[in-house]
Amino acid sequence: MASLKDQLMQAGLANAKRARQADHAKRQAAKGRHEEVPAAELVKQARAEQLVRDQAANKAQQDTQAEKAIVAQIRQLIEMHQIDRSGGDQPYQFADGSKVRKLWLRPAQIDQVARGQIAIVRIGAAASIEFALVPTAIAEKIAQRDSARVVLKVERQAQAVADDDPYADYVIPDDLMW
């Protein structure tokens, strides 16, 4: 059985010169001949790629360091301004996400929390369930760095009293325990 090239030559559709050209083109393609990029160009490309990788690694490292610095600042703020809760004999319940938590506080501390003078913040990582009392000004500084750490901060708002409210003279205390 003759090859396709031989059959085309016998049929007169191709000649020997065209067959040699086709064989030559086939061999060149098999060798993978192509224009080579100069070595200097390859080096330049490699340096540019390495520079991009190094910049990304530096940015990631700086972000990690910034996060660690923020955590350290929050820890320091809490440690320096934490209000002592020892001797607390009344339970104070508050919402922490979808859970209700309980802290044992003194009556004066419960009153200060209700008035918005002190706030409850989370100590440690977000998964931790330890809490501390800090002044509201410190809680605001903590919230600027990480808002998830501030668990309870009562905002004082002026309430509008209706003119025809028959109970306007009777003030309901904020810390009313049911």
N, C-alpha and C. Protein backbone atom coordinates (compact mmCIF):
# COMPACT_ATOMS: atom_id res chain seq x y z
N MET A 1 0.83 -1.16 0.00
CA MET A 1 0.00 0.00 0.00
C MET A 1 0.89 1.24 0.00
N ALA A 2 0.64 2.13 -0.88
CA ALA A 2 1.45 3.33 -1.03
C ALA A 2 0.93 4.41 -0.10
N SER A 3 1.86 5.34 0.29
CA SER A 3 1.46 6.44 1.17
C SER A 3 0.61 7.44 0.40
N LEU A 4 0.01 8.32 1.13
CA LEU A 4 -0.84 9.33 0.51
C LEU A 4 -0.03 10.19 -0.45
N LYS A 5 1.22 10.48 -0.07
CA LYS A 5 2.10 11.29 -0.91
C LYS A 5 2.34 10.59 -2.25
N ASP A 6 2.62 9.30 -2.20
CA ASP A 6 2.85 8.54 -3.43
C ASP A 6 1.59 8.47 -4.27
N GLN A 7 0.45 8.30 -3.65
CA GLN A 7 -0.80 8.22 -4.40
C GLN A 7 -1.10 9.55 -5.10
N LEU A 8 -0.85 10.69 -4.40
CA LEU A 8 -1.09 12.00 -5.01
C LEU A 8 -0.12 12.24 -6.18
N MET A 9 1.14 11.79 -6.05
CA MET A 9 2.10 11.96 -7.14
C MET A 9 1.70 11.11 -8.35
N GLN A 10 1.21 9.89 -8.13
CA GLN A 10 0.78 9.03 -9.21
C GLN A 10 -0.45 9.61 -9.90
N ALA A 11 -1.31 10.25 -9.13
CA ALA A 11 -2.53 10.81 -9.72
C ALA A 11 -2.23 12.12 -10.43
N GLY A 12 -1.03 12.69 -10.20
CA GLY A 12 -0.66 13.93 -10.87
C GLY A 12 -1.12 15.16 -10.12
N LEU A 13 -1.57 14.98 -8.92
CA LEU A 13 -2.03 16.14 -8.14
C LEU A 13 -0.88 16.80 -7.39
N ALA A 14 0.28 16.14 -7.27
CA ALA A 14 1.44 16.70 -6.59
C ALA A 14 2.68 16.29 -7.36
N ASN A 15 3.77 17.08 -7.21
CA ASN A 15 5.02 16.71 -7.85
C ASN A 15 6.07 16.50 -6.78
N ALA A 16 7.26 16.06 -7.16
CA ALA A 16 8.32 15.71 -6.22
C ALA A 16 8.78 16.93 -5.43
N LYS A 17 8.83 18.09 -6.09
CA LYS A 17 9.29 19.31 -5.41
C LYS A 17 8.34 19.69 -4.28
N ARG A 18 7.06 19.63 -4.53
CA ARG A 18 6.06 19.95 -3.49
C ARG A 18 6.11 18.93 -2.37
N ALA A 19 6.37 17.67 -2.68
CA ALA A 19 6.46 16.63 -1.66
C ALA A 19 7.65 16.89 -0.74
N ARG A 20 8.82 17.27 -1.35
CA ARG A 20 10.00 17.58 -0.52
C ARG A 20 9.73 18.79 0.38
N GLN A 21 9.06 19.81 -0.15
CA GLN A 21 8.74 21.00 0.66
C GLN A 21 7.82 20.63 1.84
N ALA A 22 6.86 19.77 1.59
CA ALA A 22 5.95 19.34 2.65
C ALA A 22 6.69 18.55 3.72
N ASP A 23 7.62 17.65 3.28
CA ASP A 23 8.42 16.88 4.25
C ASP A 23 9.31 17.80 5.08
N HIS A 24 9.90 18.80 4.42
CA HIS A 24 10.78 19.74 5.11
C HIS A 24 9.99 20.54 6.15
N ALA A 25 8.83 21.00 5.80
CA ALA A 25 7.99 21.77 6.72
C ALA A 25 7.56 20.91 7.91
N LYS A 26 7.29 19.64 7.64
CA LYS A 26 6.87 18.72 8.69
C LYS A 26 8.02 18.48 9.68
N ARG A 27 9.24 18.31 9.16
CA ARG A 27 10.40 18.11 10.04
C ARG A 27 10.69 19.35 10.88
N GLN A 28 10.57 20.53 10.27
CA GLN A 28 10.82 21.78 11.01
C GLN A 28 9.81 21.96 12.15
N ALA A 29 8.56 21.62 11.87
CA ALA A 29 7.53 21.73 12.90
C ALA A 29 7.78 20.73 14.02
N ALA A 30 8.26 19.53 13.67
CA ALA A 30 8.54 18.52 14.68
C ALA A 30 9.72 18.94 15.56
N LYS A 31 10.70 19.62 15.01
CA LYS A 31 11.85 20.08 15.79
C LYS A 31 11.42 21.18 16.77
N GLY A 32 10.35 21.85 16.45
CA GLY A 32 9.90 22.93 17.32
C GLY A 32 10.69 24.19 17.10
N ARG A 33 11.13 24.41 15.91
CA ARG A 33 11.89 25.61 15.62
C ARG A 33 10.97 26.82 15.72
N HIS A 34 11.44 27.76 16.49
CA HIS A 34 10.72 29.04 16.61
C HIS A 34 11.76 30.08 16.97
N GLU A 35 11.36 31.30 16.90
CA GLU A 35 12.30 32.36 17.24
C GLU A 35 12.54 32.34 18.73
N GLU A 36 13.79 32.33 19.12
CA GLU A 36 14.12 32.29 20.53
C GLU A 36 14.14 33.70 21.10
N VAL A 37 13.65 33.81 22.35
CA VAL A 37 13.66 35.08 23.05
C VAL A 37 15.06 35.27 23.61
N PRO A 38 15.65 36.42 23.47
CA PRO A 38 17.00 36.64 23.99
C PRO A 38 17.04 36.42 25.50
N ALA A 39 18.19 35.97 25.98
CA ALA A 39 18.37 35.65 27.40
C ALA A 39 18.13 36.88 28.28
N ALA A 40 18.52 38.03 27.82
CA ALA A 40 18.34 39.26 28.61
C ALA A 40 16.86 39.53 28.83
N GLU A 41 16.05 39.26 27.83
CA GLU A 41 14.60 39.46 27.95
C GLU A 41 14.02 38.49 28.98
N LEU A 42 14.47 37.24 28.96
CA LEU A 42 14.01 36.26 29.94
C LEU A 42 14.38 36.67 31.36
N VAL A 43 15.58 37.17 31.54
CA VAL A 43 16.03 37.60 32.86
C VAL A 43 15.18 38.77 33.34
N LYS A 44 14.91 39.69 32.43
CA LYS A 44 14.10 40.86 32.79
C LYS A 44 12.69 40.44 33.21
N GLN A 45 12.10 39.50 32.48
CA GLN A 45 10.77 39.00 32.84
C GLN A 45 10.79 38.30 34.19
N ALA A 46 11.82 37.49 34.44
CA ALA A 46 11.92 36.78 35.72
C ALA A 46 12.06 37.75 36.88
N ARG A 47 12.85 38.80 36.70
CA ARG A 47 13.00 39.80 37.76
C ARG A 47 11.69 40.53 38.03
N ALA A 48 10.96 40.85 36.97
CA ALA A 48 9.68 41.54 37.15
C ALA A 48 8.68 40.65 37.89
N GLU A 49 8.63 39.37 37.54
CA GLU A 49 7.73 38.45 38.23
C GLU A 49 8.14 38.28 39.69
N GLN A 50 9.45 38.19 39.96
CA GLN A 50 9.93 38.07 41.34
C GLN A 50 9.59 39.32 42.14
N LEU A 51 9.69 40.48 41.53
CA LEU A 51 9.36 41.73 42.21
C LEU A 51 7.88 41.76 42.60
N VAL A 52 7.02 41.31 41.71
CA VAL A 52 5.58 41.27 42.00
C VAL A 52 5.31 40.30 43.16
N ARG A 53 5.93 39.13 43.14
CA ARG A 53 5.76 38.15 44.23
C ARG A 53 6.27 38.71 45.56
N ASP A 54 7.43 39.37 45.53
CA ASP A 54 7.99 39.95 46.76
C ASP A 54 7.08 41.04 47.32
N GLN A 55 6.52 41.88 46.46
CA GLN A 55 5.63 42.95 46.91
C GLN A 55 4.37 42.36 47.55
N ALA A 56 3.83 41.30 46.98
CA ALA A 56 2.64 40.66 47.55
C ALA A 56 2.97 40.05 48.91
N ALA A 57 4.13 39.42 49.02
CA ALA A 57 4.53 38.82 50.30
C ALA A 57 4.75 39.90 51.36
N ASN A 58 5.37 41.02 50.97
CA ASN A 58 5.58 42.12 51.91
C ASN A 58 4.26 42.71 52.38
N LYS A 59 3.32 42.86 51.48
CA LYS A 59 2.01 43.42 51.85
C LYS A 59 1.30 42.49 52.82
N ALA A 60 1.35 41.19 52.57
CA ALA A 60 0.72 40.23 53.48
C ALA A 60 1.37 40.28 54.85
N GLN A 61 2.69 40.40 54.89
CA GLN A 61 3.40 40.47 56.17
C GLN A 61 3.05 41.76 56.91
N GLN A 62 2.95 42.87 56.20
CA GLN A 62 2.58 44.14 56.84
C GLN A 62 1.16 44.09 57.38
N ASP A 63 0.25 43.46 56.65
CA ASP A 63 -1.13 43.32 57.12
C ASP A 63 -1.19 42.50 58.40
N THR A 64 -0.42 41.41 58.44
CA THR A 64 -0.37 40.56 59.63
C THR A 64 0.18 41.34 60.82
N GLN A 65 1.23 42.11 60.60
CA GLN A 65 1.81 42.90 61.68
C GLN A 65 0.83 43.97 62.16
N ALA A 66 0.09 44.58 61.25
CA ALA A 66 -0.89 45.60 61.63
C ALA A 66 -2.01 44.98 62.48
N GLU A 67 -2.46 43.79 62.10
CA GLU A 67 -3.50 43.10 62.88
C GLU A 67 -3.00 42.77 64.28
N LYS A 68 -1.75 42.30 64.38
CA LYS A 68 -1.18 41.99 65.69
C LYS A 68 -1.06 43.25 66.54
N ALA A 69 -0.70 44.37 65.92
CA ALA A 69 -0.57 45.62 66.66
C ALA A 69 -1.92 46.08 67.20
N ILE A 70 -2.97 45.92 66.41
CA ILE A 70 -4.32 46.31 66.84
C ILE A 70 -4.76 45.45 68.02
N VAL A 71 -4.51 44.14 67.93
CA VAL A 71 -4.87 43.24 69.04
C VAL A 71 -4.12 43.64 70.31
N ALA A 72 -2.85 43.97 70.18
CA ALA A 72 -2.05 44.37 71.34
C ALA A 72 -2.57 45.69 71.93
N GLN A 73 -2.96 46.63 71.08
CA GLN A 73 -3.51 47.90 71.57
C GLN A 73 -4.80 47.67 72.33
N ILE A 74 -5.66 46.82 71.81
CA ILE A 74 -6.94 46.53 72.48
C ILE A 74 -6.67 45.86 73.82
N ARG A 75 -5.78 44.89 73.84
CA ARG A 75 -5.45 44.19 75.10
C ARG A 75 -4.93 45.18 76.13
N GLN A 76 -4.06 46.09 75.70
CA GLN A 76 -3.50 47.09 76.62
C GLN A 76 -4.58 48.04 77.13
N LEU A 77 -5.47 48.49 76.27
CA LEU A 77 -6.57 49.37 76.70
C LEU A 77 -7.44 48.68 77.75
N ILE A 78 -7.76 47.43 77.53
CA ILE A 78 -8.61 46.70 78.48
C ILE A 78 -7.89 46.49 79.80
N GLU A 79 -6.63 46.08 79.74
CA GLU A 79 -5.88 45.82 80.97
C GLU A 79 -5.70 47.08 81.81
N MET A 80 -5.47 48.21 81.15
CA MET A 80 -5.22 49.44 81.89
C MET A 80 -6.49 50.06 82.47
N HIS A 81 -7.63 49.87 81.82
CA HIS A 81 -8.85 50.57 82.22
C HIS A 81 -9.96 49.64 82.70
N GLN A 82 -9.66 48.39 82.93
CA GLN A 82 -10.67 47.43 83.35
C GLN A 82 -11.19 47.79 84.75
N ILE A 83 -12.51 47.74 84.90
CA ILE A 83 -13.15 48.02 86.18
C ILE A 83 -13.32 46.70 86.92
N ASP A 84 -12.94 46.70 88.20
CA ASP A 84 -12.99 45.50 89.02
C ASP A 84 -14.44 45.08 89.25
N ARG A 85 -14.75 43.82 88.98
CA ARG A 85 -16.10 43.29 89.16
C ARG A 85 -16.22 42.43 90.41
N SER A 86 -15.17 42.30 91.16
CA SER A 86 -15.22 41.41 92.33
C SER A 86 -16.24 41.93 93.34
N GLY A 87 -16.88 41.03 94.01
CA GLY A 87 -17.90 41.40 94.98
C GLY A 87 -19.26 41.62 94.36
N GLY A 88 -19.41 41.32 93.08
CA GLY A 88 -20.71 41.47 92.42
C GLY A 88 -21.69 40.45 92.94
N ASP A 89 -22.87 40.91 93.39
CA ASP A 89 -23.82 39.98 93.97
C ASP A 89 -25.15 39.96 93.23
N GLN A 90 -25.27 40.77 92.18
CA GLN A 90 -26.51 40.77 91.40
C GLN A 90 -26.19 40.37 89.96
N PRO A 91 -27.02 39.50 89.41
CA PRO A 91 -26.76 39.10 88.01
C PRO A 91 -27.21 40.20 87.04
N TYR A 92 -26.40 40.42 86.02
CA TYR A 92 -26.76 41.35 84.95
C TYR A 92 -26.72 40.54 83.66
N GLN A 93 -27.84 40.47 82.98
CA GLN A 93 -27.94 39.68 81.77
C GLN A 93 -27.94 40.60 80.56
N PHE A 94 -27.25 40.18 79.52
CA PHE A 94 -27.15 40.97 78.29
C PHE A 94 -27.03 40.03 77.10
N ALA A 95 -27.35 40.55 75.94
CA ALA A 95 -27.29 39.75 74.71
C ALA A 95 -25.90 39.84 74.11
N ASP A 96 -25.36 38.68 73.76
CA ASP A 96 -24.08 38.58 73.07
C ASP A 96 -24.32 37.80 71.80
N GLY A 97 -24.65 38.51 70.73
CA GLY A 97 -25.02 37.85 69.49
C GLY A 97 -26.37 37.19 69.68
N SER A 98 -26.42 35.87 69.54
CA SER A 98 -27.68 35.14 69.70
C SER A 98 -27.79 34.50 71.09
N LYS A 99 -26.80 34.75 71.97
CA LYS A 99 -26.81 34.15 73.30
C LYS A 99 -27.04 35.22 74.37
N VAL A 100 -27.61 34.78 75.47
CA VAL A 100 -27.79 35.66 76.62
C VAL A 100 -26.71 35.30 77.63
N ARG A 101 -25.91 36.28 78.00
CA ARG A 101 -24.81 36.06 78.94
C ARG A 101 -25.18 36.70 80.29
N LYS A 102 -24.50 36.26 81.33
CA LYS A 102 -24.75 36.78 82.67
C LYS A 102 -23.43 37.13 83.32
N LEU A 103 -23.38 38.36 83.89
CA LEU A 103 -22.25 38.80 84.69
C LEU A 103 -22.76 39.15 86.08
N TRP A 104 -21.97 38.86 87.08
CA TRP A 104 -22.32 39.23 88.44
C TRP A 104 -21.66 40.57 88.73
N LEU A 105 -22.52 41.60 88.96
CA LEU A 105 -22.04 42.96 89.16
C LEU A 105 -22.60 43.53 90.47
N ARG A 106 -21.97 44.59 90.92
CA ARG A 106 -22.50 45.34 92.07
C ARG A 106 -23.64 46.22 91.58
N PRO A 107 -24.59 46.60 92.44
CA PRO A 107 -25.71 47.45 92.01
C PRO A 107 -25.26 48.77 91.39
N ALA A 108 -24.20 49.37 91.90
CA ALA A 108 -23.71 50.63 91.32
C ALA A 108 -23.21 50.41 89.89
N GLN A 109 -22.58 49.26 89.64
CA GLN A 109 -22.09 48.97 88.30
C GLN A 109 -23.25 48.73 87.33
N ILE A 110 -24.29 48.06 87.79
CA ILE A 110 -25.48 47.85 86.94
C ILE A 110 -26.08 49.19 86.56
N ASP A 111 -26.14 50.11 87.52
CA ASP A 111 -26.67 51.45 87.26
C ASP A 111 -25.80 52.19 86.23
N GLN A 112 -24.48 52.06 86.36
CA GLN A 112 -23.58 52.73 85.41
C GLN A 112 -23.69 52.15 84.01
N VAL A 113 -23.88 50.84 83.90
CA VAL A 113 -24.07 50.22 82.59
C VAL A 113 -25.36 50.73 81.97
N ALA A 114 -26.43 50.81 82.77
CA ALA A 114 -27.72 51.25 82.26
C ALA A 114 -27.68 52.72 81.83
N ARG A 115 -26.89 53.51 82.50
CA ARG A 115 -26.79 54.94 82.16
C ARG A 115 -25.81 55.20 81.02
N GLY A 116 -25.06 54.18 80.61
CA GLY A 116 -24.12 54.34 79.50
C GLY A 116 -22.78 54.89 79.95
N GLN A 117 -22.46 54.81 81.23
CA GLN A 117 -21.19 55.31 81.73
C GLN A 117 -20.08 54.27 81.58
N ILE A 118 -20.44 53.00 81.66
CA ILE A 118 -19.46 51.93 81.43
C ILE A 118 -20.04 50.96 80.41
N ALA A 119 -19.15 50.22 79.78
CA ALA A 119 -19.56 49.29 78.72
C ALA A 119 -18.95 47.92 78.99
N ILE A 120 -19.51 46.92 78.34
CA ILE A 120 -19.01 45.55 78.46
C ILE A 120 -18.27 45.21 77.17
N VAL A 121 -17.02 44.75 77.33
CA VAL A 121 -16.20 44.38 76.17
C VAL A 121 -15.72 42.94 76.33
N ARG A 122 -15.41 42.33 75.22
CA ARG A 122 -14.93 40.95 75.19
C ARG A 122 -13.42 40.95 75.34
N ILE A 123 -12.92 40.07 76.21
CA ILE A 123 -11.48 39.93 76.40
C ILE A 123 -11.00 38.78 75.52
N GLY A 124 -9.85 38.93 74.90
CA GLY A 124 -9.26 37.85 74.12
C GLY A 124 -9.86 37.76 72.72
N ALA A 125 -9.80 36.56 72.18
CA ALA A 125 -10.25 36.32 70.80
C ALA A 125 -11.77 36.41 70.71
N ALA A 126 -12.26 36.45 69.50
CA ALA A 126 -13.71 36.59 69.26
C ALA A 126 -14.48 35.39 69.80
N ALA A 127 -13.85 34.22 69.87
CA ALA A 127 -14.54 33.02 70.33
C ALA A 127 -14.54 32.93 71.87
N SER A 128 -13.78 33.79 72.52
CA SER A 128 -13.69 33.76 73.98
C SER A 128 -14.98 34.27 74.61
N ILE A 129 -15.29 33.78 75.81
CA ILE A 129 -16.51 34.22 76.47
C ILE A 129 -16.19 34.95 77.78
N GLU A 130 -15.03 35.58 77.86
CA GLU A 130 -14.68 36.39 79.01
C GLU A 130 -15.00 37.84 78.69
N PHE A 131 -15.51 38.54 79.72
CA PHE A 131 -15.93 39.92 79.52
C PHE A 131 -15.32 40.82 80.58
N ALA A 132 -15.21 42.10 80.27
CA ALA A 132 -14.66 43.08 81.21
C ALA A 132 -15.52 44.35 81.13
N LEU A 133 -15.50 45.11 82.20
CA LEU A 133 -16.16 46.41 82.23
C LEU A 133 -15.10 47.48 82.03
N VAL A 134 -15.37 48.42 81.13
CA VAL A 134 -14.48 49.54 80.88
C VAL A 134 -15.31 50.81 80.74
N PRO A 135 -14.73 51.99 80.97
CA PRO A 135 -15.46 53.23 80.74
C PRO A 135 -15.89 53.35 79.27
N THR A 136 -16.95 54.07 79.05
CA THR A 136 -17.51 54.21 77.69
C THR A 136 -16.50 54.83 76.72
N ALA A 137 -15.70 55.79 77.19
CA ALA A 137 -14.71 56.42 76.31
C ALA A 137 -13.69 55.38 75.82
N ILE A 138 -13.30 54.48 76.69
CA ILE A 138 -12.35 53.42 76.29
C ILE A 138 -13.03 52.45 75.34
N ALA A 139 -14.31 52.14 75.59
CA ALA A 139 -15.04 51.25 74.69
C ALA A 139 -15.13 51.84 73.28
N GLU A 140 -15.25 53.16 73.19
CA GLU A 140 -15.28 53.80 71.87
C GLU A 140 -13.93 53.65 71.16
N LYS A 141 -12.84 53.78 71.92
CA LYS A 141 -11.52 53.59 71.32
C LYS A 141 -11.34 52.15 70.86
N ILE A 142 -11.85 51.21 71.64
CA ILE A 142 -11.76 49.80 71.26
C ILE A 142 -12.60 49.55 70.01
N ALA A 143 -13.78 50.16 69.94
CA ALA A 143 -14.67 49.98 68.78
C ALA A 143 -14.04 50.53 67.51
N GLN A 144 -13.23 51.57 67.62
CA GLN A 144 -12.55 52.11 66.44
C GLN A 144 -11.57 51.08 65.87
N ARG A 145 -10.98 50.28 66.74
CA ARG A 145 -10.01 49.29 66.30
C ARG A 145 -10.68 47.97 65.91
N ASP A 146 -11.67 47.54 66.71
CA ASP A 146 -12.38 46.28 66.42
C ASP A 146 -13.77 46.37 67.06
N SER A 147 -14.76 46.62 66.26
CA SER A 147 -16.12 46.81 66.77
C SER A 147 -16.72 45.53 67.35
N ALA A 148 -16.20 44.36 66.97
CA ALA A 148 -16.74 43.10 67.48
C ALA A 148 -16.40 42.89 68.95
N ARG A 149 -15.40 43.59 69.46
CA ARG A 149 -15.00 43.42 70.85
C ARG A 149 -15.95 44.11 71.82
N VAL A 150 -16.66 45.15 71.38
CA VAL A 150 -17.59 45.85 72.26
C VAL A 150 -18.92 45.10 72.20
N VAL A 151 -19.29 44.50 73.35
CA VAL A 151 -20.49 43.68 73.40
C VAL A 151 -21.72 44.52 73.75
N LEU A 152 -21.59 45.42 74.74
CA LEU A 152 -22.73 46.21 75.16
C LEU A 152 -22.28 47.61 75.52
N LYS A 153 -22.82 48.58 74.83
CA LYS A 153 -22.57 50.00 75.13
C LYS A 153 -23.90 50.71 74.96
N VAL A 154 -24.44 51.21 76.05
CA VAL A 154 -25.74 51.85 76.01
C VAL A 154 -25.56 53.28 75.50
N GLU A 155 -26.33 53.63 74.50
CA GLU A 155 -26.31 54.98 73.95
C GLU A 155 -27.42 55.78 74.59
N ARG A 156 -27.09 56.92 75.11
CA ARG A 156 -28.09 57.78 75.72
C ARG A 156 -28.73 58.64 74.63
N GLN A 157 -30.04 58.58 74.54
CA GLN A 157 -30.76 59.37 73.54
C GLN A 157 -31.88 60.13 74.24
N ALA A 158 -32.06 61.34 73.83
CA ALA A 158 -33.16 62.14 74.38
C ALA A 158 -34.46 61.61 73.81
N GLN A 159 -35.40 61.33 74.70
CA GLN A 159 -36.67 60.79 74.26
C GLN A 159 -37.68 61.93 74.09
N ALA A 160 -38.37 61.88 73.00
CA ALA A 160 -39.39 62.89 72.75
C ALA A 160 -40.65 62.51 73.53
N VAL A 161 -41.17 63.47 74.28
CA VAL A 161 -42.37 63.23 75.08
C VAL A 161 -43.54 63.89 74.38
N ALA A 162 -44.58 63.11 74.21
CA ALA A 162 -45.78 63.64 73.56
C ALA A 162 -46.48 64.62 74.51
N ASP A 163 -47.12 65.63 73.95
CA ASP A 163 -47.80 66.65 74.76
C ASP A 163 -48.99 66.07 75.52
N ASP A 164 -49.65 65.09 74.94
CA ASP A 164 -50.85 64.55 75.58
C ASP A 164 -50.59 63.23 76.32
N ASP A 165 -49.34 62.95 76.65
CA ASP A 165 -49.00 61.72 77.35
C ASP A 165 -49.35 61.86 78.84
N PRO A 166 -50.30 61.06 79.32
CA PRO A 166 -50.72 61.20 80.73
C PRO A 166 -49.65 60.69 81.71
N TYR A 167 -48.68 59.90 81.21
CA TYR A 167 -47.65 59.36 82.09
C TYR A 167 -46.31 60.07 81.92
N ALA A 168 -46.30 61.26 81.38
CA ALA A 168 -45.08 61.99 81.12
C ALA A 168 -44.34 62.33 82.41
N ASP A 169 -45.05 62.49 83.51
CA ASP A 169 -44.43 62.82 84.79
C ASP A 169 -43.80 61.62 85.46
N TYR A 170 -44.12 60.41 85.01
CA TYR A 170 -43.60 59.19 85.62
C TYR A 170 -42.46 58.64 84.76
N VAL A 171 -41.24 58.77 85.27
CA VAL A 171 -40.08 58.32 84.52
C VAL A 171 -39.81 56.85 84.84
N ILE A 172 -39.62 56.06 83.80
CA ILE A 172 -39.32 54.65 83.96
C ILE A 172 -37.80 54.52 84.03
N PRO A 173 -37.26 53.93 85.09
CA PRO A 173 -35.80 53.82 85.19
C PRO A 173 -35.25 52.86 84.14
N ASP A 174 -34.04 53.18 83.66
CA ASP A 174 -33.40 52.36 82.63
C ASP A 174 -32.98 50.99 83.15
N ASP A 175 -32.71 50.92 84.44
CA ASP A 175 -32.20 49.66 84.99
C ASP A 175 -33.28 48.85 85.68
N LEU A 176 -34.52 49.05 85.28
CA LEU A 176 -35.64 48.33 85.88
C LEU A 176 -35.46 46.84 85.63
N MET A 177 -35.46 46.07 86.72
CA MET A 177 -35.30 44.61 86.63
C MET A 177 -36.68 43.97 86.77
N TRP A 178 -37.06 43.15 85.84
CA TRP A 178 -38.38 42.51 85.87
C TRP A 178 -38.31 41.23 86.64
